[in-house]
Amino acid sequence: MAEIKPTLARGKPRGMESTHLGSRAAREFIEAEAIDIFTTMTNGGCTFQQALAAIFMSGMNAAHTVKEKP
């Protein structure tokens, strides 16, 4: 698997918050998950917009799950 290079955002998108992802390993894990979801969606015939929505919804679901745990 190719090395995942660091991503750098310039500011935050309007209406969105930014967060520190922790360690490099944690960031690389999250990026790899997003790439896997994108690949699965596009190979399944979904549009680019649908693939991005799936990545977003996956992140929302993960955040909701973490928030519920004590």
PDB file of N, CA and C in Angstrom:
ATOM      1  N   MET A   1       0.849  -1.177   0.000  1.00  0.00           N
ATOM      2  CA  MET A   1       0.000   0.000   0.000  1.00  0.00           C
ATOM      3  C   MET A   1       0.891   1.236   0.000  1.00  0.00           C
ATOM      4  N   ALA A   2       0.522   2.215  -0.778  1.00  0.00           N
ATOM      5  CA  ALA A   2       1.292   3.447  -0.861  1.00  0.00           C
ATOM      6  C   ALA A   2       1.201   4.229   0.443  1.00  0.00           C
ATOM      7  N   GLU A   3       2.278   4.942   0.744  1.00  0.00           N
ATOM      8  CA  GLU A   3       2.281   5.747   1.965  1.00  0.00           C
ATOM      9  C   GLU A   3       1.278   6.886   1.836  1.00  0.00           C
ATOM     10  N   ILE A   4       0.530   7.114   2.895  1.00  0.00           N
ATOM     11  CA  ILE A   4      -0.431   8.211   2.921  1.00  0.00           C
ATOM     12  C   ILE A   4       0.302   9.454   3.402  1.00  0.00           C
ATOM     13  N   LYS A   5       0.302  10.470   2.568  1.00  0.00           N
ATOM     14  CA  LYS A   5       1.002  11.704   2.922  1.00  0.00           C
ATOM     15  C   LYS A   5       0.107  12.572   3.799  1.00  0.00           C
ATOM     16  N   PRO A   6       0.721  13.351   4.676  1.00  0.00           N
ATOM     17  CA  PRO A   6      -0.071  14.221   5.554  1.00  0.00           C
ATOM     18  C   PRO A   6      -0.915  15.207   4.752  1.00  0.00           C
ATOM     19  N   THR A   7      -2.087  15.485   5.274  1.00  0.00           N
ATOM     20  CA  THR A   7      -2.951  16.472   4.644  1.00  0.00           C
ATOM     21  C   THR A   7      -2.940  17.736   5.501  1.00  0.00           C
ATOM     22  N   LEU A   8      -2.924  18.849   4.853  1.00  0.00           N
ATOM     23  CA  LEU A   8      -2.897  20.122   5.560  1.00  0.00           C
ATOM     24  C   LEU A   8      -4.041  20.993   5.060  1.00  0.00           C
ATOM     25  N   ALA A   9      -4.878  21.399   5.961  1.00  0.00           N
ATOM     26  CA  ALA A   9      -5.973  22.289   5.594  1.00  0.00           C
ATOM     27  C   ALA A   9      -5.564  23.731   5.881  1.00  0.00           C
ATOM     28  N   ARG A  10      -6.005  24.628   5.056  1.00  0.00           N
ATOM     29  CA  ARG A  10      -5.745  26.047   5.271  1.00  0.00           C
ATOM     30  C   ARG A  10      -7.017  26.656   5.835  1.00  0.00           C
ATOM     31  N   GLY A  11      -7.098  26.685   7.165  1.00  0.00           N
ATOM     32  CA  GLY A  11      -8.307  27.184   7.802  1.00  0.00           C
ATOM     33  C   GLY A  11      -9.353  26.089   7.855  1.00  0.00           C
ATOM     34  N   LYS A  12     -10.552  26.472   8.203  1.00  0.00           N
ATOM     35  CA  LYS A  12     -11.627  25.485   8.261  1.00  0.00           C
ATOM     36  C   LYS A  12     -12.736  25.886   7.311  1.00  0.00           C
ATOM     37  N   PRO A  13     -13.417  24.896   6.735  1.00  0.00           N
ATOM     38  CA  PRO A  13     -14.531  25.222   5.852  1.00  0.00           C
ATOM     39  C   PRO A  13     -15.635  25.949   6.612  1.00  0.00           C
ATOM     40  N   ARG A  14     -16.343  26.804   5.936  1.00  0.00           N
ATOM     41  CA  ARG A  14     -17.424  27.565   6.552  1.00  0.00           C
ATOM     42  C   ARG A  14     -18.446  26.623   7.179  1.00  0.00           C
ATOM     43  N   GLY A  15     -18.819  26.901   8.416  1.00  0.00           N
ATOM     44  CA  GLY A  15     -19.828  26.121   9.105  1.00  0.00           C
ATOM     45  C   GLY A  15     -19.326  24.802   9.666  1.00  0.00           C
ATOM     46  N   MET A  16     -18.017  24.574   9.629  1.00  0.00           N
ATOM     47  CA  MET A  16     -17.471  23.316  10.125  1.00  0.00           C
ATOM     48  C   MET A  16     -16.400  23.602  11.173  1.00  0.00           C
ATOM     49  N   GLU A  17     -16.212  22.663  12.038  1.00  0.00           N
ATOM     50  CA  GLU A  17     -15.176  22.770  13.059  1.00  0.00           C
ATOM     51  C   GLU A  17     -13.997  21.903  12.665  1.00  0.00           C
ATOM     52  N   SER A  18     -12.833  22.244  13.146  1.00  0.00           N
ATOM     53  CA  SER A  18     -11.664  21.408  12.924  1.00  0.00           C
ATOM     54  C   SER A  18     -11.269  20.768  14.252  1.00  0.00           C
ATOM     55  N   THR A  19     -10.564  19.671  14.149  1.00  0.00           N
ATOM     56  CA  THR A  19     -10.137  18.969  15.351  1.00  0.00           C
ATOM     57  C   THR A  19      -8.775  18.342  15.119  1.00  0.00           C
ATOM     58  N   HIS A  20      -8.045  18.158  16.189  1.00  0.00           N
ATOM     59  CA  HIS A  20      -6.750  17.485  16.115  1.00  0.00           C
ATOM     60  C   HIS A  20      -7.018  15.989  16.190  1.00  0.00           C
ATOM     61  N   LEU A  21      -6.498  15.237  15.245  1.00  0.00           N
ATOM     62  CA  LEU A  21      -6.785  13.812  15.176  1.00  0.00           C
ATOM     63  C   LEU A  21      -5.903  12.955  16.080  1.00  0.00           C
ATOM     64  N   GLY A  22      -5.021  13.562  16.808  1.00  0.00           N
ATOM     65  CA  GLY A  22      -4.162  12.783  17.702  1.00  0.00           C
ATOM     66  C   GLY A  22      -2.880  12.389  17.014  1.00  0.00           C
ATOM     67  N   SER A  23      -2.505  11.150  17.171  1.00  0.00           N
ATOM     68  CA  SER A  23      -1.241  10.668  16.636  1.00  0.00           C
ATOM     69  C   SER A  23      -1.278  10.527  15.114  1.00  0.00           C
ATOM     70  N   ARG A  24      -0.106  10.415  14.541  1.00  0.00           N
ATOM     71  CA  ARG A  24      -0.012  10.197  13.097  1.00  0.00           C
ATOM     72  C   ARG A  24      -0.696   8.882  12.725  1.00  0.00           C
ATOM     73  N   ALA A  25      -0.536   7.866  13.561  1.00  0.00           N
ATOM     74  CA  ALA A  25      -1.159   6.569  13.294  1.00  0.00           C
ATOM     75  C   ALA A  25      -2.680   6.686  13.261  1.00  0.00           C
ATOM     76  N   ALA A  26      -3.246   7.479  14.176  1.00  0.00           N
ATOM     77  CA  ALA A  26      -4.701   7.671  14.198  1.00  0.00           C
ATOM     78  C   ALA A  26      -5.162   8.379  12.931  1.00  0.00           C
ATOM     79  N   ARG A  27      -4.430   9.403  12.517  1.00  0.00           N
ATOM     80  CA  ARG A  27      -4.790  10.131  11.295  1.00  0.00           C
ATOM     81  C   ARG A  27      -4.692   9.230  10.075  1.00  0.00           C
ATOM     82  N   GLU A  28      -3.629   8.433   9.996  1.00  0.00           N
ATOM     83  CA  GLU A  28      -3.464   7.538   8.862  1.00  0.00           C
ATOM     84  C   GLU A  28      -4.565   6.478   8.826  1.00  0.00           C
ATOM     85  N   PHE A  29      -4.996   6.011  10.003  1.00  0.00           N
ATOM     86  CA  PHE A  29      -6.091   5.045  10.062  1.00  0.00           C
ATOM     87  C   PHE A  29      -7.375   5.669   9.516  1.00  0.00           C
ATOM     88  N   ILE A  30      -7.678   6.879   9.941  1.00  0.00           N
ATOM     89  CA  ILE A  30      -8.894   7.564   9.479  1.00  0.00           C
ATOM     90  C   ILE A  30      -8.841   7.803   7.978  1.00  0.00           C
ATOM     91  N   GLU A  31      -7.690   8.231   7.471  1.00  0.00           N
ATOM     92  CA  GLU A  31      -7.550   8.460   6.037  1.00  0.00           C
ATOM     93  C   GLU A  31      -7.702   7.163   5.248  1.00  0.00           C
ATOM     94  N   ALA A  32      -7.131   6.082   5.759  1.00  0.00           N
ATOM     95  CA  ALA A  32      -7.241   4.789   5.077  1.00  0.00           C
ATOM     96  C   ALA A  32      -8.700   4.315   5.042  1.00  0.00           C
ATOM     97  N   GLU A  33      -9.427   4.532   6.135  1.00  0.00           N
ATOM     98  CA  GLU A  33     -10.850   4.165   6.168  1.00  0.00           C
ATOM     99  C   GLU A  33     -11.634   4.966   5.133  1.00  0.00           C
ATOM    100  N   ALA A  34     -11.349   6.255   5.040  1.00  0.00           N
ATOM    101  CA  ALA A  34     -12.046   7.104   4.065  1.00  0.00           C
ATOM    102  C   ALA A  34     -11.748   6.646   2.642  1.00  0.00           C
ATOM    103  N   ILE A  35     -10.501   6.295   2.371  1.00  0.00           N
ATOM    104  CA  ILE A  35     -10.131   5.817   1.037  1.00  0.00           C
ATOM    105  C   ILE A  35     -10.828   4.501   0.731  1.00  0.00           C
ATOM    106  N   ASP A  36     -10.904   3.601   1.712  1.00  0.00           N
ATOM    107  CA  ASP A  36     -11.595   2.318   1.510  1.00  0.00           C
ATOM    108  C   ASP A  36     -13.073   2.523   1.193  1.00  0.00           C
ATOM    109  N   ILE A  37     -13.722   3.420   1.928  1.00  0.00           N
ATOM    110  CA  ILE A  37     -15.142   3.701   1.679  1.00  0.00           C
ATOM    111  C   ILE A  37     -15.313   4.295   0.285  1.00  0.00           C
ATOM    112  N   PHE A  38     -14.468   5.258  -0.063  1.00  0.00           N
ATOM    113  CA  PHE A  38     -14.553   5.896  -1.376  1.00  0.00           C
ATOM    114  C   PHE A  38     -14.370   4.873  -2.491  1.00  0.00           C
ATOM    115  N   THR A  39     -13.367   4.008  -2.344  1.00  0.00           N
ATOM    116  CA  THR A  39     -13.091   2.992  -3.357  1.00  0.00           C
ATOM    117  C   THR A  39     -14.263   2.037  -3.511  1.00  0.00           C
ATOM    118  N   THR A  40     -14.806   1.577  -2.393  1.00  0.00           N
ATOM    119  CA  THR A  40     -15.943   0.657  -2.431  1.00  0.00           C
ATOM    120  C   THR A  40     -17.141   1.300  -3.116  1.00  0.00           C
ATOM    121  N   MET A  41     -17.416   2.544  -2.767  1.00  0.00           N
ATOM    122  CA  MET A  41     -18.573   3.238  -3.350  1.00  0.00           C
ATOM    123  C   MET A  41     -18.401   3.459  -4.853  1.00  0.00           C
ATOM    124  N   THR A  42     -17.234   3.935  -5.279  1.00  0.00           N
ATOM    125  CA  THR A  42     -17.036   4.216  -6.698  1.00  0.00           C
ATOM    126  C   THR A  42     -16.968   2.925  -7.509  1.00  0.00           C
ATOM    127  N   ASN A  43     -16.374   1.878  -6.954  1.00  0.00           N
ATOM    128  CA  ASN A  43     -16.347   0.587  -7.664  1.00  0.00           C
ATOM    129  C   ASN A  43     -17.741  -0.006  -7.759  1.00  0.00           C
ATOM    130  N   GLY A  44     -18.620   0.382  -6.860  1.00  0.00           N
ATOM    131  CA  GLY A  44     -19.996  -0.083  -6.887  1.00  0.00           C
ATOM    132  C   GLY A  44     -20.883   0.722  -7.819  1.00  0.00           C
ATOM    133  N   GLY A  45     -20.306   1.695  -8.497  1.00  0.00           N
ATOM    134  CA  GLY A  45     -21.069   2.471  -9.473  1.00  0.00           C
ATOM    135  C   GLY A  45     -21.689   3.740  -8.926  1.00  0.00           C
ATOM    136  N   CYS A  46     -21.345   4.113  -7.702  1.00  0.00           N
ATOM    137  CA  CYS A  46     -21.901   5.333  -7.114  1.00  0.00           C
ATOM    138  C   CYS A  46     -21.205   6.568  -7.679  1.00  0.00           C
ATOM    139  N   THR A  47     -21.883   7.689  -7.603  1.00  0.00           N
ATOM    140  CA  THR A  47     -21.304   8.939  -8.071  1.00  0.00           C
ATOM    141  C   THR A  47     -20.288   9.458  -7.052  1.00  0.00           C
ATOM    142  N   PHE A  48     -19.493  10.419  -7.479  1.00  0.00           N
ATOM    143  CA  PHE A  48     -18.524  11.056  -6.593  1.00  0.00           C
ATOM    144  C   PHE A  48     -19.234  11.656  -5.383  1.00  0.00           C
ATOM    145  N   GLN A  49     -20.351  12.312  -5.629  1.00  0.00           N
ATOM    146  CA  GLN A  49     -21.115  12.931  -4.542  1.00  0.00           C
ATOM    147  C   GLN A  49     -21.620  11.878  -3.554  1.00  0.00           C
ATOM    148  N   GLN A  50     -22.103  10.757  -4.039  1.00  0.00           N
ATOM    149  CA  GLN A  50     -22.565   9.689  -3.160  1.00  0.00           C
ATOM    150  C   GLN A  50     -21.417   9.105  -2.342  1.00  0.00           C
ATOM    151  N   ALA A  51     -20.245   8.955  -2.958  1.00  0.00           N
ATOM    152  CA  ALA A  51     -19.080   8.436  -2.242  1.00  0.00           C
ATOM    153  C   ALA A  51     -18.662   9.385  -1.126  1.00  0.00           C
ATOM    154  N   LEU A  52     -18.643  10.675  -1.415  1.00  0.00           N
ATOM    155  CA  LEU A  52     -18.284  11.651  -0.376  1.00  0.00           C
ATOM    156  C   LEU A  52     -19.318  11.672   0.744  1.00  0.00           C
ATOM    157  N   ALA A  53     -20.577  11.551   0.387  1.00  0.00           N
ATOM    158  CA  ALA A  53     -21.636  11.504   1.403  1.00  0.00           C
ATOM    159  C   ALA A  53     -21.464  10.279   2.293  1.00  0.00           C
ATOM    160  N   ALA A  54     -21.080   9.144   1.712  1.00  0.00           N
ATOM    161  CA  ALA A  54     -20.867   7.929   2.510  1.00  0.00           C
ATOM    162  C   ALA A  54     -19.723   8.112   3.498  1.00  0.00           C
ATOM    163  N   ILE A  55     -18.658   8.775   3.074  1.00  0.00           N
ATOM    164  CA  ILE A  55     -17.531   9.044   3.974  1.00  0.00           C
ATOM    165  C   ILE A  55     -17.987   9.959   5.110  1.00  0.00           C
ATOM    166  N   PHE A  56     -18.734  11.001   4.768  1.00  0.00           N
ATOM    167  CA  PHE A  56     -19.235  11.932   5.775  1.00  0.00           C
ATOM    168  C   PHE A  56     -20.137  11.219   6.778  1.00  0.00           C
ATOM    169  N   MET A  57     -21.074  10.416   6.271  1.00  0.00           N
ATOM    170  CA  MET A  57     -22.006   9.711   7.151  1.00  0.00           C
ATOM    171  C   MET A  57     -21.276   8.695   8.034  1.00  0.00           C
ATOM    172  N   SER A  58     -20.245   8.083   7.510  1.00  0.00           N
ATOM    173  CA  SER A  58     -19.451   7.146   8.302  1.00  0.00           C
ATOM    174  C   SER A  58     -18.796   7.877   9.472  1.00  0.00           C
ATOM    175  N   GLY A  59     -18.267   9.058   9.211  1.00  0.00           N
ATOM    176  CA  GLY A  59     -17.653   9.862  10.271  1.00  0.00           C
ATOM    177  C   GLY A  59     -18.669  10.312  11.298  1.00  0.00           C
ATOM    178  N   MET A  60     -19.848  10.706  10.836  1.00  0.00           N
ATOM    179  CA  MET A  60     -20.903  11.119  11.760  1.00  0.00           C
ATOM    180  C   MET A  60     -21.333   9.943  12.639  1.00  0.00           C
ATOM    181  N   ASN A  61     -21.448   8.758  12.047  1.00  0.00           N
ATOM    182  CA  ASN A  61     -21.839   7.585  12.798  1.00  0.00           C
ATOM    183  C   ASN A  61     -20.774   7.230  13.841  1.00  0.00           C
ATOM    184  N   ALA A  62     -19.517   7.316  13.475  1.00  0.00           N
ATOM    185  CA  ALA A  62     -18.426   7.023  14.418  1.00  0.00           C
ATOM    186  C   ALA A  62     -18.433   8.021  15.570  1.00  0.00           C
ATOM    187  N   ALA A  63     -18.636   9.301  15.251  1.00  0.00           N
ATOM    188  CA  ALA A  63     -18.664  10.323  16.301  1.00  0.00           C
ATOM    189  C   ALA A  63     -19.833  10.102  17.239  1.00  0.00           C
ATOM    190  N   HIS A  64     -20.978   9.747  16.708  1.00  0.00           N
ATOM    191  CA  HIS A  64     -22.163   9.487  17.523  1.00  0.00           C
ATOM    192  C   HIS A  64     -21.922   8.283  18.436  1.00  0.00           C
ATOM    193  N   THR A  65     -21.295   7.248  17.915  1.00  0.00           N
ATOM    194  CA  THR A  65     -21.009   6.054  18.691  1.00  0.00           C
ATOM    195  C   THR A  65     -20.061   6.362  19.856  1.00  0.00           C
ATOM    196  N   VAL A  66     -19.031   7.134  19.573  1.00  0.00           N
ATOM    197  CA  VAL A  66     -18.060   7.497  20.614  1.00  0.00           C
ATOM    198  C   VAL A  66     -18.723   8.365  21.668  1.00  0.00           C
ATOM    199  N   LYS A  67     -19.584   9.282  21.264  1.00  0.00           N
ATOM    200  CA  LYS A  67     -20.250  10.188  22.191  1.00  0.00           C
ATOM    201  C   LYS A  67     -21.169   9.421  23.159  1.00  0.00           C
ATOM    202  N   GLU A  68     -21.775   8.332  22.690  1.00  0.00           N
ATOM    203  CA  GLU A  68     -22.694   7.564  23.529  1.00  0.00           C
ATOM    204  C   GLU A  68     -21.993   6.743  24.600  1.00  0.00           C
ATOM    205  N   LYS A  69     -20.727   6.355  24.357  1.00  0.00           N
ATOM    206  CA  LYS A  69     -20.007   5.519  25.323  1.00  0.00           C
ATOM    207  C   LYS A  69     -19.597   6.344  26.545  1.00  0.00           C
ATOM    208  N   PRO A  70     -19.724   5.760  27.740  1.00  0.00           N
ATOM    209  CA  PRO A  70     -19.365   6.507  28.961  1.00  0.00           C
ATOM    210  C   PRO A  70     -17.887   6.737  29.106  1.00  0.00           C
TER     211      PRO A  70
END
